[in-house]
PDB file of N, CA and C in Angstrom:
ATOM      1  N   MET A   1     -61.252  20.704  -2.406  1.00  0.00           N
ATOM      2  CA  MET A   1     -60.323  20.322  -3.444  1.00  0.00           C
ATOM      3  C   MET A   1     -59.066  21.270  -3.414  1.00  0.00           C
ATOM      4  N   LYS A   2     -59.284  22.542  -3.126  1.00  0.00           N
ATOM      5  CA  LYS A   2     -58.150  23.443  -3.041  1.00  0.00           C
ATOM      6  C   LYS A   2     -57.255  23.073  -1.881  1.00  0.00           C
ATOM      7  N   LYS A   3     -57.837  22.677  -0.787  1.00  0.00           N
ATOM      8  CA  LYS A   3     -57.041  22.321   0.381  1.00  0.00           C
ATOM      9  C   LYS A   3     -56.201  21.013   0.069  1.00  0.00           C
ATOM     10  N   PHE A   4     -56.768  20.081  -0.679  1.00  0.00           N
ATOM     11  CA  PHE A   4     -56.101  18.868  -1.046  1.00  0.00           C
ATOM     12  C   PHE A   4     -54.915  19.187  -1.943  1.00  0.00           C
ATOM     13  N   ILE A   5     -55.087  20.073  -2.939  1.00  0.00           N
ATOM     14  CA  ILE A   5     -54.034  20.509  -3.885  1.00  0.00           C
ATOM     15  C   ILE A   5     -52.933  21.241  -3.066  1.00  0.00           C
ATOM     16  N   PHE A   6     -53.329  22.084  -2.128  1.00  0.00           N
ATOM     17  CA  PHE A   6     -52.327  22.818  -1.342  1.00  0.00           C
ATOM     18  C   PHE A   6     -51.482  21.853  -0.511  1.00  0.00           C
ATOM     19  N   ILE A   7     -52.094  20.835   0.075  1.00  0.00           N
ATOM     20  CA  ILE A   7     -51.339  19.852   0.871  1.00  0.00           C
ATOM     21  C   ILE A   7     -50.391  19.069  -0.027  1.00  0.00           C
ATOM     22  N   ILE A   8     -50.834  18.647  -1.212  1.00  0.00           N
ATOM     23  CA  ILE A   8     -49.996  17.944  -2.165  1.00  0.00           C
ATOM     24  C   ILE A   8     -48.792  18.819  -2.612  1.00  0.00           C
ATOM     25  N   MET A   9     -49.072  20.085  -2.915  1.00  0.00           N
ATOM     26  CA  MET A   9     -47.984  21.030  -3.347  1.00  0.00           C
ATOM     27  C   MET A   9     -47.003  21.256  -2.204  1.00  0.00           C
ATOM     28  N   ALA A  10     -47.520  21.411  -0.979  1.00  0.00           N
ATOM     29  CA  ALA A  10     -46.624  21.618   0.190  1.00  0.00           C
ATOM     30  C   ALA A  10     -45.775  20.375   0.445  1.00  0.00           C
ATOM     31  N   PHE A  11     -46.383  19.215   0.345  1.00  0.00           N
ATOM     32  CA  PHE A  11     -45.634  17.965   0.534  1.00  0.00           C
ATOM     33  C   PHE A  11     -44.577  17.805  -0.509  1.00  0.00           C
ATOM     34  N   THR A  12     -44.883  18.132  -1.802  1.00  0.00           N
ATOM     35  CA  THR A  12     -43.915  18.074  -2.903  1.00  0.00           C
ATOM     36  C   THR A  12     -42.767  19.042  -2.635  1.00  0.00           C
ATOM     37  N   ALA A  13     -43.044  20.266  -2.191  1.00  0.00           N
ATOM     38  CA  ALA A  13     -42.042  21.251  -1.936  1.00  0.00           C
ATOM     39  C   ALA A  13     -41.122  20.804  -0.806  1.00  0.00           C
ATOM     40  N   ILE A  14     -41.693  20.221   0.239  1.00  0.00           N
ATOM     41  CA  ILE A  14     -40.865  19.766   1.388  1.00  0.00           C
ATOM     42  C   ILE A  14     -39.935  18.611   0.923  1.00  0.00           C
ATOM     43  N   ILE A  15     -40.430  17.727   0.153  1.00  0.00           N
ATOM     44  CA  ILE A  15     -39.590  16.634  -0.360  1.00  0.00           C
ATOM     45  C   ILE A  15     -38.503  17.155  -1.270  1.00  0.00           C
ATOM     46  N   ALA A  16     -38.832  18.128  -2.124  1.00  0.00           N
ATOM     47  CA  ALA A  16     -37.824  18.717  -3.018  1.00  0.00           C
ATOM     48  C   ALA A  16     -36.738  19.432  -2.239  1.00  0.00           C
ATOM     49  N   PHE A  17     -37.074  20.204  -1.258  1.00  0.00           N
ATOM     50  CA  PHE A  17     -36.082  20.911  -0.432  1.00  0.00           C
ATOM     51  C   PHE A  17     -35.215  19.953   0.384  1.00  0.00           C
ATOM     52  N   THR A  18     -35.743  18.927   0.936  1.00  0.00           N
ATOM     53  CA  THR A  18     -34.950  18.057   1.723  1.00  0.00           C
ATOM     54  C   THR A  18     -34.079  17.099   0.921  1.00  0.00           C
ATOM     55  N   SER A  19     -34.482  16.781  -0.297  1.00  0.00           N
ATOM     56  CA  SER A  19     -33.674  15.900  -1.119  1.00  0.00           C
ATOM     57  C   SER A  19     -32.545  16.659  -1.812  1.00  0.00           C
ATOM     58  N   CYS A  20     -32.645  17.943  -1.966  1.00  0.00           N
ATOM     59  CA  CYS A  20     -31.649  18.693  -2.650  1.00  0.00           C
ATOM     60  C   CYS A  20     -30.703  19.477  -1.711  1.00  0.00           C
ATOM     61  N   SER A  21     -30.860  19.348  -0.450  1.00  0.00           N
ATOM     62  CA  SER A  21     -30.011  20.049   0.470  1.00  0.00           C
ATOM     63  C   SER A  21     -28.713  19.323   0.671  1.00  0.00           C
ATOM     64  N   ASP A  22     -27.671  20.044   0.939  1.00  0.00           N
ATOM     65  CA  ASP A  22     -26.331  19.509   1.287  1.00  0.00           C
ATOM     66  C   ASP A  22     -26.283  19.251   2.737  1.00  0.00           C
ATOM     67  N   SER A  23     -26.212  18.020   3.135  1.00  0.00           N
ATOM     68  CA  SER A  23     -26.051  17.712   4.526  1.00  0.00           C
ATOM     69  C   SER A  23     -24.561  17.657   4.860  1.00  0.00           C
ATOM     70  N   SER A  24     -24.289  17.683   6.153  1.00  0.00           N
ATOM     71  CA  SER A  24     -22.863  17.664   6.595  1.00  0.00           C
ATOM     72  C   SER A  24     -22.239  16.317   6.301  1.00  0.00           C
ATOM     73  N   ASP A  25     -23.062  15.284   6.031  1.00  0.00           N
ATOM     74  CA  ASP A  25     -22.504  13.963   5.744  1.00  0.00           C
ATOM     75  C   ASP A  25     -22.189  13.717   4.315  1.00  0.00           C
ATOM     76  N   SER A  26     -22.638  14.617   3.446  1.00  0.00           N
ATOM     77  CA  SER A  26     -22.411  14.425   1.973  1.00  0.00           C
ATOM     78  C   SER A  26     -21.063  14.897   1.597  1.00  0.00           C
ATOM     79  N   LEU A  27     -20.497  14.274   0.558  1.00  0.00           N
ATOM     80  CA  LEU A  27     -19.198  14.601   0.041  1.00  0.00           C
ATOM     81  C   LEU A  27     -19.309  14.638  -1.476  1.00  0.00           C
ATOM     82  N   SER A  28     -19.070  15.785  -2.036  1.00  0.00           N
ATOM     83  CA  SER A  28     -19.200  15.877  -3.489  1.00  0.00           C
ATOM     84  C   SER A  28     -17.985  15.282  -4.170  1.00  0.00           C
ATOM     85  N   SER A  29     -18.128  14.960  -5.432  1.00  0.00           N
ATOM     86  CA  SER A  29     -17.060  14.318  -6.161  1.00  0.00           C
ATOM     87  C   SER A  29     -15.877  15.285  -6.312  1.00  0.00           C
ATOM     88  N   SER A  30     -16.106  16.554  -6.503  1.00  0.00           N
ATOM     89  CA  SER A  30     -15.012  17.481  -6.645  1.00  0.00           C
ATOM     90  C   SER A  30     -14.216  17.665  -5.302  1.00  0.00           C
ATOM     91  N   THR A  31     -14.967  17.600  -4.201  1.00  0.00           N
ATOM     92  CA  THR A  31     -14.288  17.729  -2.890  1.00  0.00           C
ATOM     93  C   THR A  31     -13.447  16.466  -2.640  1.00  0.00           C
ATOM     94  N   ALA A  32     -13.941  15.329  -2.993  1.00  0.00           N
ATOM     95  CA  ALA A  32     -13.256  14.039  -2.823  1.00  0.00           C
ATOM     96  C   ALA A  32     -11.972  14.060  -3.703  1.00  0.00           C
ATOM     97  N   LYS A  33     -12.163  14.501  -4.924  1.00  0.00           N
ATOM     98  CA  LYS A  33     -10.996  14.531  -5.866  1.00  0.00           C
ATOM     99  C   LYS A  33      -9.902  15.493  -5.345  1.00  0.00           C
ATOM    100  N   SER A  34     -10.310  16.643  -4.795  1.00  0.00           N
ATOM    101  CA  SER A  34      -9.372  17.604  -4.258  1.00  0.00           C
ATOM    102  C   SER A  34      -8.663  17.010  -3.033  1.00  0.00           C
ATOM    103  N   LEU A  35      -9.391  16.333  -2.167  1.00  0.00           N
ATOM    104  CA  LEU A  35      -8.782  15.724  -0.963  1.00  0.00           C
ATOM    105  C   LEU A  35      -7.786  14.656  -1.348  1.00  0.00           C
ATOM    106  N   VAL A  36      -8.110  13.863  -2.317  1.00  0.00           N
ATOM    107  CA  VAL A  36      -7.172  12.774  -2.797  1.00  0.00           C
ATOM    108  C   VAL A  36      -5.913  13.427  -3.356  1.00  0.00           C
ATOM    109  N   LYS A  37      -6.070  14.459  -4.184  1.00  0.00           N
ATOM    110  CA  LYS A  37      -4.897  15.103  -4.757  1.00  0.00           C
ATOM    111  C   LYS A  37      -3.996  15.701  -3.729  1.00  0.00           C
ATOM    112  N   ASP A  38      -4.599  16.370  -2.692  1.00  0.00           N
ATOM    113  CA  ASP A  38      -3.859  16.955  -1.651  1.00  0.00           C
ATOM    114  C   ASP A  38      -3.101  15.896  -0.831  1.00  0.00           C
ATOM    115  N   GLU A  39      -3.731  14.786  -0.565  1.00  0.00           N
ATOM    116  CA  GLU A  39      -3.099  13.685   0.197  1.00  0.00           C
ATOM    117  C   GLU A  39      -1.921  13.082  -0.579  1.00  0.00           C
ATOM    118  N   LEU A  40      -2.117  12.884  -1.907  1.00  0.00           N
ATOM    119  CA  LEU A  40      -1.057  12.410  -2.740  1.00  0.00           C
ATOM    120  C   LEU A  40       0.171  13.329  -2.799  1.00  0.00           C
ATOM    121  N   LYS A  41      -0.127  14.621  -2.861  1.00  0.00           N
ATOM    122  CA  LYS A  41       0.997  15.584  -2.848  1.00  0.00           C
ATOM    123  C   LYS A  41       1.760  15.529  -1.519  1.00  0.00           C
ATOM    124  N   ARG A  42       0.972  15.398  -0.407  1.00  0.00           N
ATOM    125  CA  ARG A  42       1.601  15.371   0.928  1.00  0.00           C
ATOM    126  C   ARG A  42       2.504  14.152   1.067  1.00  0.00           C
ATOM    127  N   GLN A  43       1.974  12.997   0.623  1.00  0.00           N
ATOM    128  CA  GLN A  43       2.761  11.780   0.708  1.00  0.00           C
ATOM    129  C   GLN A  43       3.975  11.774  -0.212  1.00  0.00           C
ATOM    130  N   HIS A  44       3.856  12.409  -1.348  1.00  0.00           N
ATOM    131  CA  HIS A  44       4.961  12.499  -2.268  1.00  0.00           C
ATOM    132  C   HIS A  44       6.089  13.366  -1.689  1.00  0.00           C
ATOM    133  N   GLU A  45       5.734  14.365  -0.913  1.00  0.00           N
ATOM    134  CA  GLU A  45       6.778  15.182  -0.277  1.00  0.00           C
ATOM    135  C   GLU A  45       7.520  14.414   0.828  1.00  0.00           C
ATOM    136  N   LEU A  46       6.863  13.381   1.360  1.00  0.00           N
ATOM    137  CA  LEU A  46       7.559  12.645   2.424  1.00  0.00           C
ATOM    138  C   LEU A  46       8.517  11.619   1.863  1.00  0.00           C
ATOM    139  N   VAL A  47       8.393  11.275   0.575  1.00  0.00           N
ATOM    140  CA  VAL A  47       9.234  10.248  -0.026  1.00  0.00           C
ATOM    141  C   VAL A  47      10.470  10.938  -0.558  1.00  0.00           C
ATOM    142  N   GLY A  48      11.595  10.337  -0.276  1.00  0.00           N
ATOM    143  CA  GLY A  48      12.863  10.921  -0.788  1.00  0.00           C
ATOM    144  C   GLY A  48      13.874   9.789  -0.981  1.00  0.00           C
ATOM    145  N   ALA A  49      14.859  10.060  -1.813  1.00  0.00           N
ATOM    146  CA  ALA A  49      15.895   9.093  -2.053  1.00  0.00           C
ATOM    147  C   ALA A  49      17.240   9.821  -1.943  1.00  0.00           C
ATOM    148  N   PHE A  50      18.203   9.068  -1.447  1.00  0.00           N
ATOM    149  CA  PHE A  50      19.594   9.569  -1.342  1.00  0.00           C
ATOM    150  C   PHE A  50      20.514   8.418  -1.300  1.00  0.00           C
ATOM    151  N   SER A  51      21.746   8.668  -1.574  1.00  0.00           N
ATOM    152  CA  SER A  51      22.762   7.605  -1.552  1.00  0.00           C
ATOM    153  C   SER A  51      23.498   7.588  -0.222  1.00  0.00           C
ATOM    154  N   ILE A  52      23.867   6.369   0.186  1.00  0.00           N
ATOM    155  CA  ILE A  52      24.658   6.186   1.386  1.00  0.00           C
ATOM    156  C   ILE A  52      25.898   5.436   1.025  1.00  0.00           C
ATOM    157  N   ARG A  53      27.030   6.008   1.409  1.00  0.00           N
ATOM    158  CA  ARG A  53      28.277   5.319   1.203  1.00  0.00           C
ATOM    159  C   ARG A  53      28.408   4.158   2.201  1.00  0.00           C
ATOM    160  N   VAL A  54      28.858   3.047   1.714  1.00  0.00           N
ATOM    161  CA  VAL A  54      29.018   1.875   2.579  1.00  0.00           C
ATOM    162  C   VAL A  54      30.452   1.429   2.584  1.00  0.00           C
ATOM    163  N   GLY A  55      30.828   0.678   3.592  1.00  0.00           N
ATOM    164  CA  GLY A  55      32.166   0.197   3.689  1.00  0.00           C
ATOM    165  C   GLY A  55      32.955   1.100   4.617  1.00  0.00           C
ATOM    166  N   TYR A  56      34.246   0.945   4.544  1.00  0.00           N
ATOM    167  CA  TYR A  56      35.175   1.727   5.358  1.00  0.00           C
ATOM    168  C   TYR A  56      35.667   2.870   4.509  1.00  0.00           C
ATOM    169  N   PHE A  57      35.449   4.120   4.988  1.00  0.00           N
ATOM    170  CA  PHE A  57      35.837   5.334   4.236  1.00  0.00           C
ATOM    171  C   PHE A  57      36.155   6.472   5.189  1.00  0.00           C
ATOM    172  N   GLU A  58      36.865   7.445   4.649  1.00  0.00           N
ATOM    173  CA  GLU A  58      37.235   8.565   5.430  1.00  0.00           C
ATOM    174  C   GLU A  58      36.172   9.670   5.231  1.00  0.00           C
ATOM    175  N   CYS A  59      35.744  10.237   6.345  1.00  0.00           N
ATOM    176  CA  CYS A  59      34.704  11.296   6.283  1.00  0.00           C
ATOM    177  C   CYS A  59      35.132  12.446   7.254  1.00  0.00           C
ATOM    178  N   ASN A  60      35.406  13.621   6.654  1.00  0.00           N
ATOM    179  CA  ASN A  60      35.841  14.749   7.460  1.00  0.00           C
ATOM    180  C   ASN A  60      34.695  15.769   7.609  1.00  0.00           C
ATOM    181  N   ASP A  61      33.499  15.383   7.463  1.00  0.00           N
ATOM    182  CA  ASP A  61      32.334  16.288   7.520  1.00  0.00           C
ATOM    183  C   ASP A  61      31.522  15.989   8.750  1.00  0.00           C
ATOM    184  N   ASP A  62      31.383  16.984   9.576  1.00  0.00           N
ATOM    185  CA  ASP A  62      30.587  16.781  10.878  1.00  0.00           C
ATOM    186  C   ASP A  62      29.099  16.548  10.497  1.00  0.00           C
ATOM    187  N   VAL A  63      28.566  17.199   9.526  1.00  0.00           N
ATOM    188  CA  VAL A  63      27.148  17.047   9.153  1.00  0.00           C
ATOM    189  C   VAL A  63      26.877  15.611   8.701  1.00  0.00           C
ATOM    190  N   THR A  64      27.792  15.091   7.849  1.00  0.00           N
ATOM    191  CA  THR A  64      27.606  13.753   7.296  1.00  0.00           C
ATOM    192  C   THR A  64      27.662  12.705   8.422  1.00  0.00           C
ATOM    193  N   ARG A  65      28.648  12.894   9.322  1.00  0.00           N
ATOM    194  CA  ARG A  65      28.735  11.983  10.492  1.00  0.00           C
ATOM    195  C   ARG A  65      27.494  12.038  11.323  1.00  0.00           C
ATOM    196  N   TYR A  66      26.912  13.224  11.580  1.00  0.00           N
ATOM    197  CA  TYR A  66      25.734  13.316  12.316  1.00  0.00           C
ATOM    198  C   TYR A  66      24.544  12.647  11.665  1.00  0.00           C
ATOM    199  N   GLN A  67      24.468  12.733  10.289  1.00  0.00           N
ATOM    200  CA  GLN A  67      23.385  12.036   9.562  1.00  0.00           C
ATOM    201  C   GLN A  67      23.539  10.530   9.691  1.00  0.00           C
ATOM    202  N   TYR A  68      24.760  10.028   9.626  1.00  0.00           N
ATOM    203  CA  TYR A  68      24.998   8.592   9.831  1.00  0.00           C
ATOM    204  C   TYR A  68      24.581   8.150  11.234  1.00  0.00           C
ATOM    205  N   LYS A  69      24.881   8.997  12.249  1.00  0.00           N
ATOM    206  CA  LYS A  69      24.495   8.682  13.613  1.00  0.00           C
ATOM    207  C   LYS A  69      22.992   8.665  13.732  1.00  0.00           C
ATOM    208  N   GLN A  70      22.291   9.523  13.088  1.00  0.00           N
ATOM    209  CA  GLN A  70      20.815   9.523  13.106  1.00  0.00           C
ATOM    210  C   GLN A  70      20.279   8.263  12.492  1.00  0.00           C
ATOM    211  N   LEU A  71      20.788   7.833  11.370  1.00  0.00           N
ATOM    212  CA  LEU A  71      20.331   6.607  10.720  1.00  0.00           C
ATOM    213  C   LEU A  71      20.625   5.431  11.621  1.00  0.00           C
ATOM    214  N   ALA A  72      21.832   5.421  12.249  1.00  0.00           N
ATOM    215  CA  ALA A  72      22.124   4.333  13.189  1.00  0.00           C
ATOM    216  C   ALA A  72      21.180   4.323  14.388  1.00  0.00           C
ATOM    217  N   ALA A  73      20.858   5.484  14.905  1.00  0.00           N
ATOM    218  CA  ALA A  73      19.968   5.605  16.055  1.00  0.00           C
ATOM    219  C   ALA A  73      18.569   5.035  15.715  1.00  0.00           C
ATOM    220  N   ASN A  74      18.128   5.191  14.469  1.00  0.00           N
ATOM    221  CA  ASN A  74      16.859   4.641  14.064  1.00  0.00           C
ATOM    222  C   ASN A  74      16.961   3.210  13.546  1.00  0.00           C
ATOM    223  N   GLU A  75      18.143   2.632  13.696  1.00  0.00           N
ATOM    224  CA  GLU A  75      18.397   1.225  13.394  1.00  0.00           C
ATOM    225  C   GLU A  75      18.203   0.918  11.903  1.00  0.00           C
ATOM    226  N   LEU A  76      18.556   1.922  11.036  1.00  0.00           N
ATOM    227  CA  LEU A  76      18.480   1.708   9.611  1.00  0.00           C
ATOM    228  C   LEU A  76      19.798   1.224   9.064  1.00  0.00           C
ATOM    229  N   ILE A  77      20.893   1.585   9.762  1.00  0.00           N
ATOM    230  CA  ILE A  77      22.208   1.122   9.372  1.00  0.00           C
ATOM    231  C   ILE A  77      22.974   0.831  10.650  1.00  0.00           C
ATOM    232  N   THR A  78      24.110   0.154  10.488  1.00  0.00           N
ATOM    233  CA  THR A  78      25.102   0.044  11.572  1.00  0.00           C
ATOM    234  C   THR A  78      26.212   0.969  11.284  1.00  0.00           C
ATOM    235  N   TYR A  79      26.687   1.717  12.280  1.00  0.00           N
ATOM    236  CA  TYR A  79      27.635   2.735  12.046  1.00  0.00           C
ATOM    237  C   TYR A  79      28.678   2.731  13.232  1.00  0.00           C
ATOM    238  N   LYS A  80      29.911   2.880  12.785  1.00  0.00           N
ATOM    239  CA  LYS A  80      30.965   3.087  13.811  1.00  0.00           C
ATOM    240  C   LYS A  80      31.911   4.107  13.317  1.00  0.00           C
ATOM    241  N   CYS A  81      32.332   5.019  14.142  1.00  0.00           N
ATOM    242  CA  CYS A  81      33.246   6.093  13.770  1.00  0.00           C
ATOM    243  C   CYS A  81      34.506   6.017  14.598  1.00  0.00           C
ATOM    244  N   ASP A  82      35.636   5.923  13.923  1.00  0.00           N
ATOM    245  CA  ASP A  82      36.953   5.975  14.586  1.00  0.00           C
ATOM    246  C   ASP A  82      37.618   7.339  14.230  1.00  0.00           C
ATOM    247  N   ILE A  83      37.884   8.089  15.248  1.00  0.00           N
ATOM    248  CA  ILE A  83      38.513   9.394  14.967  1.00  0.00           C
ATOM    249  C   ILE A  83      40.026   9.196  14.982  1.00  0.00           C
ATOM    250  N   VAL A  84      40.706   9.632  13.946  1.00  0.00           N
ATOM    251  CA  VAL A  84      42.114   9.490  13.798  1.00  0.00           C
ATOM    252  C   VAL A  84      42.704  10.901  14.081  1.00  0.00           C
ATOM    253  N   LYS A  85      43.568  10.960  15.058  1.00  0.00           N
ATOM    254  CA  LYS A  85      44.195  12.248  15.387  1.00  0.00           C
ATOM    255  C   LYS A  85      45.477  12.323  14.626  1.00  0.00           C
ATOM    256  N   ARG A  86      45.716  13.526  14.109  1.00  0.00           N
ATOM    257  CA  ARG A  86      46.985  13.762  13.419  1.00  0.00           C
ATOM    258  C   ARG A  86      48.070  14.117  14.399  1.00  0.00           C
ATOM    259  N   ASN A  87      49.300  13.665  14.086  1.00  0.00           N
ATOM    260  CA  ASN A  87      50.441  13.989  14.973  1.00  0.00           C
ATOM    261  C   ASN A  87      51.097  15.294  14.543  1.00  0.00           C
TER     262      ASN A  87
END
């Protein structure tokens, strides 16, 4: 009888330890929540808004012209620059 009780207790202990262990495949709710928050922060940093002047206008800024060229290279806008030389 003692051997039978020992086997039952050992079996119960083995089941308890294996069911309560954290496997590498498990994902806790706090970890999932943290991962979602981090991903949302990362995506929010990628989103931006700015204004673009349209039409025919004068621009004397090299940085602005370079930004328009980058937008045109990515086919987001059409851009043409005519340099006017002063006499």
